[in-house]
Amino acid sequence: MTHTLFNKDHTNLLPYDGFTNYIPNLIKDTHSSYLHQLINEVAWKHDELTLYGKKIITKRQVAFEGDEHIAYTYSKQEKIATPWSEVVLELKQKLEKELNTQFNGCLLNLYATGEIGMAWHSDNEPELAAEGIIASLSFGATRTFQLKHKQSGEKIDINLENGSLVVMDMHSQKHWMHQLKKETKIKKSRVNLTFRQFLK
């Protein structure tokens, strides 16, 4: 399978153990139209996590869209994909053309302000294709995305701008964690779409 962003003309931000590429302004979002569409048209709900045996409702809102029968388990909660919304399907098709590949699921996150973040984690669920990629689109407020190597502790920061794309291979998920840093001064919303390749 060929991924155009993985060619030698594109810079790998990781010094070792995987591939991560950042493309600013990939999707032109004039007047934040995509951001408004996503906020208003996606069926958002607050996420439920299980920590130390207790259920926690997150401030972050989420949605999971995809092809029929796509599902995965996260924090002991099974997530079953709802059908593609029109705006997410449009963005999926743009990415598939750009990357010369296909996606069958998308996890969406809505961060109302910079006070809401995402703690360190890796996207290494067993339901994901081992040779696949994760394509992460950002719309709205610029936020700091951090990567940290699991062994060395080396960190890399990326400022995720409106309409930008991060592409990560699955090898990077074995060796690196990532998080969305909390930034309390940011009052504007951000929507993140992580398009994924689930095993069928």
C-alpha atoms as a PDB file:
ATOM      1  CA  MET A   1       0.000   0.000   0.000  1.00  0.00           C
ATOM      2  CA  THR A   2       1.434   3.410  -0.997  1.00  0.00           C
ATOM      3  CA  HIS A   3       0.979   6.523   1.117  1.00  0.00           C
ATOM      4  CA  THR A   4       2.012   9.673  -0.731  1.00  0.00           C
ATOM      5  CA  LEU A   5       2.936  11.567   2.435  1.00  0.00           C
ATOM      6  CA  PHE A   6       5.486   8.880   3.278  1.00  0.00           C
ATOM      7  CA  ASN A   7       7.655   9.654   0.253  1.00  0.00           C
ATOM      8  CA  LYS A   8      11.187  10.974   0.672  1.00  0.00           C
ATOM      9  CA  ASP A   9       9.995  14.507  -0.165  1.00  0.00           C
ATOM     10  CA  HIS A  10       8.164  14.742   3.169  1.00  0.00           C
ATOM     11  CA  THR A  11       9.938  15.170   6.464  1.00  0.00           C
ATOM     12  CA  ASN A  12       9.673  12.634   9.265  1.00  0.00           C
ATOM     13  CA  LEU A  13       9.388  14.547  12.549  1.00  0.00           C
ATOM     14  CA  LEU A  14      10.486  11.525  14.583  1.00  0.00           C
ATOM     15  CA  PRO A  15      14.236  10.947  15.010  1.00  0.00           C
ATOM     16  CA  TYR A  16      13.705   7.171  15.309  1.00  0.00           C
ATOM     17  CA  ASP A  17      11.123   4.423  15.898  1.00  0.00           C
ATOM     18  CA  GLY A  18       8.361   5.389  13.512  1.00  0.00           C
ATOM     19  CA  PHE A  19       7.035   8.019  11.128  1.00  0.00           C
ATOM     20  CA  THR A  20       5.059  11.182  11.836  1.00  0.00           C
ATOM     21  CA  ASN A  21       4.476  13.919   9.265  1.00  0.00           C
ATOM     22  CA  TYR A  22       2.822  17.339   9.712  1.00  0.00           C
ATOM     23  CA  ILE A  23       1.158  19.140   6.794  1.00  0.00           C
ATOM     24  CA  PRO A  24      -0.150  22.657   7.604  1.00  0.00           C
ATOM     25  CA  ASN A  25      -3.078  24.142   5.678  1.00  0.00           C
ATOM     26  CA  LEU A  26      -3.911  20.909   3.870  1.00  0.00           C
ATOM     27  CA  ILE A  27      -7.648  21.599   3.996  1.00  0.00           C
ATOM     28  CA  LYS A  28      -8.663  25.171   3.246  1.00  0.00           C
ATOM     29  CA  ASP A  29     -11.261  26.137   5.853  1.00  0.00           C
ATOM     30  CA  THR A  30     -12.450  29.544   4.697  1.00  0.00           C
ATOM     31  CA  HIS A  31     -14.337  31.370   7.457  1.00  0.00           C
ATOM     32  CA  SER A  32     -14.121  28.194   9.605  1.00  0.00           C
ATOM     33  CA  SER A  33     -16.981  26.620   7.645  1.00  0.00           C
ATOM     34  CA  TYR A  34     -15.766  23.066   8.296  1.00  0.00           C
ATOM     35  CA  LEU A  35     -15.432  23.790  12.013  1.00  0.00           C
ATOM     36  CA  HIS A  36     -18.999  25.093  12.205  1.00  0.00           C
ATOM     37  CA  GLN A  37     -20.345  22.188  10.168  1.00  0.00           C
ATOM     38  CA  LEU A  38     -18.614  19.632  12.355  1.00  0.00           C
ATOM     39  CA  ILE A  39     -19.788  21.237  15.590  1.00  0.00           C
ATOM     40  CA  ASN A  40     -23.398  21.470  14.385  1.00  0.00           C
ATOM     41  CA  GLU A  41     -23.824  18.298  12.299  1.00  0.00           C
ATOM     42  CA  VAL A  42     -21.911  15.594  14.195  1.00  0.00           C
ATOM     43  CA  ALA A  43     -23.765  13.681  16.930  1.00  0.00           C
ATOM     44  CA  TRP A  44     -21.492  14.664  19.824  1.00  0.00           C
ATOM     45  CA  LYS A  45     -21.626  13.156  23.300  1.00  0.00           C
ATOM     46  CA  HIS A  46     -19.394  13.229  26.348  1.00  0.00           C
ATOM     47  CA  ASP A  47     -17.022  10.302  26.513  1.00  0.00           C
ATOM     48  CA  GLU A  48     -17.168   7.660  29.248  1.00  0.00           C
ATOM     49  CA  LEU A  49     -13.923   6.208  30.606  1.00  0.00           C
ATOM     50  CA  THR A  50     -13.254   3.575  33.249  1.00  0.00           C
ATOM     51  CA  LEU A  51     -10.403   4.485  35.597  1.00  0.00           C
ATOM     52  CA  TYR A  52      -9.593   2.361  38.618  1.00  0.00           C
ATOM     53  CA  GLY A  53     -12.979   0.700  38.314  1.00  0.00           C
ATOM     54  CA  LYS A  54     -14.928   3.959  38.239  1.00  0.00           C
ATOM     55  CA  LYS A  55     -16.801   5.480  35.304  1.00  0.00           C
ATOM     56  CA  ILE A  56     -15.760   9.023  34.473  1.00  0.00           C
ATOM     57  CA  ILE A  57     -17.565  11.422  32.127  1.00  0.00           C
ATOM     58  CA  THR A  58     -15.070  13.576  30.228  1.00  0.00           C
ATOM     59  CA  LYS A  59     -15.391  17.266  29.393  1.00  0.00           C
ATOM     60  CA  ARG A  60     -14.245  16.336  25.924  1.00  0.00           C
ATOM     61  CA  GLN A  61     -17.051  15.378  23.538  1.00  0.00           C
ATOM     62  CA  VAL A  62     -16.616  12.563  21.064  1.00  0.00           C
ATOM     63  CA  ALA A  63     -18.187  10.776  18.122  1.00  0.00           C
ATOM     64  CA  PHE A  64     -17.247   7.620  16.225  1.00  0.00           C
ATOM     65  CA  GLU A  65     -18.268   7.256  12.576  1.00  0.00           C
ATOM     66  CA  GLY A  66     -17.434   4.567  10.091  1.00  0.00           C
ATOM     67  CA  ASP A  67     -18.428   1.770   7.762  1.00  0.00           C
ATOM     68  CA  GLU A  68     -20.975  -0.805   8.846  1.00  0.00           C
ATOM     69  CA  HIS A  69     -19.849  -3.224  11.591  1.00  0.00           C
ATOM     70  CA  ILE A  70     -16.761  -1.175  12.531  1.00  0.00           C
ATOM     71  CA  ALA A  71     -16.135  -1.197  16.303  1.00  0.00           C
ATOM     72  CA  TYR A  72     -13.312  -1.061  18.826  1.00  0.00           C
ATOM     73  CA  THR A  73     -12.806  -1.120  22.581  1.00  0.00           C
ATOM     74  CA  TYR A  74     -11.268   1.794  24.471  1.00  0.00           C
ATOM     75  CA  SER A  75     -10.940   2.027  28.263  1.00  0.00           C
ATOM     76  CA  LYS A  76     -13.156  -1.057  28.607  1.00  0.00           C
ATOM     77  CA  GLN A  77     -15.936   0.632  26.615  1.00  0.00           C
ATOM     78  CA  GLU A  78     -17.023  -0.786  23.253  1.00  0.00           C
ATOM     79  CA  LYS A  79     -17.431   1.878  20.587  1.00  0.00           C
ATOM     80  CA  ILE A  80     -19.678   1.056  17.624  1.00  0.00           C
ATOM     81  CA  ALA A  81     -19.443   3.332  14.606  1.00  0.00           C
ATOM     82  CA  THR A  82     -22.461   5.344  13.512  1.00  0.00           C
ATOM     83  CA  PRO A  83     -22.963   5.972   9.762  1.00  0.00           C
ATOM     84  CA  TRP A  84     -20.829   8.645   8.108  1.00  0.00           C
ATOM     85  CA  SER A  85     -22.185  12.173   8.375  1.00  0.00           C
ATOM     86  CA  GLU A  86     -22.072  14.227   5.193  1.00  0.00           C
ATOM     87  CA  VAL A  87     -19.272  16.567   6.279  1.00  0.00           C
ATOM     88  CA  VAL A  88     -17.039  13.793   7.686  1.00  0.00           C
ATOM     89  CA  LEU A  89     -17.545  11.692   4.554  1.00  0.00           C
ATOM     90  CA  GLU A  90     -16.507  14.670   2.419  1.00  0.00           C
ATOM     91  CA  LEU A  91     -13.308  15.114   4.444  1.00  0.00           C
ATOM     92  CA  LYS A  92     -12.626  11.372   4.327  1.00  0.00           C
ATOM     93  CA  GLN A  93     -12.784  11.387   0.548  1.00  0.00           C
ATOM     94  CA  LYS A  94     -10.423  14.377   0.362  1.00  0.00           C
ATOM     95  CA  LEU A  95      -7.869  12.588   2.535  1.00  0.00           C
ATOM     96  CA  GLU A  96      -8.181   9.294   0.682  1.00  0.00           C
ATOM     97  CA  LYS A  97      -7.412  11.085  -2.582  1.00  0.00           C
ATOM     98  CA  GLU A  98      -4.503  12.970  -1.021  1.00  0.00           C
ATOM     99  CA  LEU A  99      -2.964   9.916   0.658  1.00  0.00           C
ATOM    100  CA  ASN A 100      -3.870   7.282  -1.927  1.00  0.00           C
ATOM    101  CA  THR A 101      -5.418   4.980   0.669  1.00  0.00           C
ATOM    102  CA  GLN A 102      -8.790   4.209   2.296  1.00  0.00           C
ATOM    103  CA  PHE A 103     -10.194   4.679   5.801  1.00  0.00           C
ATOM    104  CA  ASN A 104     -13.144   2.817   7.318  1.00  0.00           C
ATOM    105  CA  GLY A 105     -13.509   4.633  10.641  1.00  0.00           C
ATOM    106  CA  CYS A 106     -13.039   8.028  12.250  1.00  0.00           C
ATOM    107  CA  LEU A 107     -12.857   9.043  15.903  1.00  0.00           C
ATOM    108  CA  LEU A 108     -13.803  12.685  16.432  1.00  0.00           C
ATOM    109  CA  ASN A 109     -13.019  14.873  19.437  1.00  0.00           C
ATOM    110  CA  LEU A 110     -14.501  18.268  20.320  1.00  0.00           C
ATOM    111  CA  TYR A 111     -12.516  20.462  22.706  1.00  0.00           C
ATOM    112  CA  ALA A 112     -14.687  23.455  23.643  1.00  0.00           C
ATOM    113  CA  THR A 113     -11.737  25.426  25.103  1.00  0.00           C
ATOM    114  CA  GLY A 114      -8.048  25.034  25.804  1.00  0.00           C
ATOM    115  CA  GLU A 115      -8.889  23.943  29.331  1.00  0.00           C
ATOM    116  CA  ILE A 116      -9.814  20.553  27.858  1.00  0.00           C
ATOM    117  CA  GLY A 117      -7.006  18.277  26.721  1.00  0.00           C
ATOM    118  CA  MET A 118      -6.070  14.637  26.228  1.00  0.00           C
ATOM    119  CA  ALA A 119      -3.570  12.814  28.463  1.00  0.00           C
ATOM    120  CA  TRP A 120      -0.605  10.765  27.243  1.00  0.00           C
ATOM    121  CA  HIS A 121      -1.634   7.681  25.248  1.00  0.00           C
ATOM    122  CA  SER A 122      -0.913   5.664  22.106  1.00  0.00           C
ATOM    123  CA  ASP A 123      -3.404   4.701  19.405  1.00  0.00           C
ATOM    124  CA  ASN A 124      -2.438   1.027  19.431  1.00  0.00           C
ATOM    125  CA  GLU A 125      -5.780  -0.762  19.780  1.00  0.00           C
ATOM    126  CA  PRO A 126      -5.638  -4.344  18.458  1.00  0.00           C
ATOM    127  CA  GLU A 127      -8.516  -3.616  16.080  1.00  0.00           C
ATOM    128  CA  LEU A 128      -6.284  -1.304  13.993  1.00  0.00           C
ATOM    129  CA  ALA A 129      -4.426  -2.638  10.964  1.00  0.00           C
ATOM    130  CA  ALA A 130      -0.771  -3.218  11.895  1.00  0.00           C
ATOM    131  CA  GLU A 131       0.501  -1.767   8.609  1.00  0.00           C
ATOM    132  CA  GLY A 132      -2.019   1.058   8.504  1.00  0.00           C
ATOM    133  CA  ILE A 133      -1.792   4.774   9.218  1.00  0.00           C
ATOM    134  CA  ILE A 134      -3.684   7.310  11.303  1.00  0.00           C
ATOM    135  CA  ALA A 135      -4.546  10.612   9.620  1.00  0.00           C
ATOM    136  CA  SER A 136      -5.457  13.356  12.088  1.00  0.00           C
ATOM    137  CA  LEU A 137      -7.185  16.531  10.847  1.00  0.00           C
ATOM    138  CA  SER A 138      -7.539  19.650  13.005  1.00  0.00           C
ATOM    139  CA  PHE A 139     -10.032  22.497  12.710  1.00  0.00           C
ATOM    140  CA  GLY A 140     -10.422  25.565  14.898  1.00  0.00           C
ATOM    141  CA  ALA A 141      -8.064  26.863  17.571  1.00  0.00           C
ATOM    142  CA  THR A 142      -4.344  26.139  17.242  1.00  0.00           C
ATOM    143  CA  ARG A 143      -3.353  23.634  19.939  1.00  0.00           C
ATOM    144  CA  THR A 144      -0.075  22.059  21.053  1.00  0.00           C
ATOM    145  CA  PHE A 145       0.300  18.368  20.184  1.00  0.00           C
ATOM    146  CA  GLN A 146       3.126  16.634  22.037  1.00  0.00           C
ATOM    147  CA  LEU A 147       4.926  13.369  21.282  1.00  0.00           C
ATOM    148  CA  LYS A 148       7.045  11.527  23.866  1.00  0.00           C
ATOM    149  CA  HIS A 149       9.214   8.461  23.327  1.00  0.00           C
ATOM    150  CA  LYS A 150       8.272   5.657  25.707  1.00  0.00           C
ATOM    151  CA  GLN A 151      11.877   4.744  26.523  1.00  0.00           C
ATOM    152  CA  SER A 152      14.034   7.845  26.118  1.00  0.00           C
ATOM    153  CA  GLY A 153      11.410  10.385  27.181  1.00  0.00           C
ATOM    154  CA  GLU A 154      12.382  12.652  24.258  1.00  0.00           C
ATOM    155  CA  LYS A 155       9.584  15.121  23.437  1.00  0.00           C
ATOM    156  CA  ILE A 156       8.470  16.828  20.242  1.00  0.00           C
ATOM    157  CA  ASP A 157       5.909  19.641  20.082  1.00  0.00           C
ATOM    158  CA  ILE A 158       3.710  20.433  17.052  1.00  0.00           C
ATOM    159  CA  ASN A 159       1.362  23.421  16.792  1.00  0.00           C
ATOM    160  CA  LEU A 160      -1.768  22.029  15.157  1.00  0.00           C
ATOM    161  CA  GLU A 161      -3.236  24.771  12.984  1.00  0.00           C
ATOM    162  CA  ASN A 162      -6.684  25.070  11.441  1.00  0.00           C
ATOM    163  CA  GLY A 163      -6.948  22.718   8.443  1.00  0.00           C
ATOM    164  CA  SER A 164      -3.685  20.900   9.237  1.00  0.00           C
ATOM    165  CA  LEU A 165      -2.957  17.178   9.030  1.00  0.00           C
ATOM    166  CA  VAL A 166      -0.770  14.846  11.101  1.00  0.00           C
ATOM    167  CA  VAL A 167      -0.023  11.400   9.641  1.00  0.00           C
ATOM    168  CA  MET A 168       1.372   8.676  11.914  1.00  0.00           C
ATOM    169  CA  ASP A 169       2.293   5.104  11.080  1.00  0.00           C
ATOM    170  CA  MET A 170       1.482   2.277  13.494  1.00  0.00           C
ATOM    171  CA  HIS A 171       5.156   1.635  14.250  1.00  0.00           C
ATOM    172  CA  SER A 172       5.273   5.049  15.918  1.00  0.00           C
ATOM    173  CA  GLN A 173       2.372   4.023  18.171  1.00  0.00           C
ATOM    174  CA  LYS A 174       4.491   1.197  19.600  1.00  0.00           C
ATOM    175  CA  HIS A 175       7.301   3.529  20.637  1.00  0.00           C
ATOM    176  CA  TRP A 176       5.754   6.985  21.129  1.00  0.00           C
ATOM    177  CA  MET A 177       2.902   8.423  23.167  1.00  0.00           C
ATOM    178  CA  HIS A 178       1.098  11.648  22.367  1.00  0.00           C
ATOM    179  CA  GLN A 179      -1.126  14.134  24.149  1.00  0.00           C
ATOM    180  CA  LEU A 180      -3.066  17.333  23.543  1.00  0.00           C
ATOM    181  CA  LYS A 181      -1.676  19.836  26.021  1.00  0.00           C
ATOM    182  CA  LYS A 182      -4.091  21.901  28.128  1.00  0.00           C
ATOM    183  CA  GLU A 183      -3.781  25.626  27.375  1.00  0.00           C
ATOM    184  CA  THR A 184      -6.107  27.602  29.632  1.00  0.00           C
ATOM    185  CA  LYS A 185      -5.661  30.899  27.757  1.00  0.00           C
ATOM    186  CA  ILE A 186      -7.302  29.430  24.639  1.00  0.00           C
ATOM    187  CA  LYS A 187     -11.051  30.067  24.657  1.00  0.00           C
ATOM    188  CA  LYS A 188     -11.944  28.922  21.135  1.00  0.00           C
ATOM    189  CA  SER A 189     -13.070  25.437  20.113  1.00  0.00           C
ATOM    190  CA  ARG A 190     -11.084  22.781  18.278  1.00  0.00           C
ATOM    191  CA  VAL A 191     -12.341  19.679  16.473  1.00  0.00           C
ATOM    192  CA  ASN A 192     -10.009  16.788  15.711  1.00  0.00           C
ATOM    193  CA  LEU A 193     -10.777  13.923  13.319  1.00  0.00           C
ATOM    194  CA  THR A 194      -8.557  10.839  13.413  1.00  0.00           C
ATOM    195  CA  PHE A 195      -9.227   8.712  10.361  1.00  0.00           C
ATOM    196  CA  ARG A 196      -8.224   5.104  10.950  1.00  0.00           C
ATOM    197  CA  GLN A 197      -7.905   1.741   9.226  1.00  0.00           C
ATOM    198  CA  PHE A 198      -9.681  -0.921  11.249  1.00  0.00           C
ATOM    199  CA  LEU A 199      -9.397  -4.646  10.651  1.00  0.00           C
ATOM    200  CA  LYS A 200     -12.549  -5.935   8.988  1.00  0.00           C
END
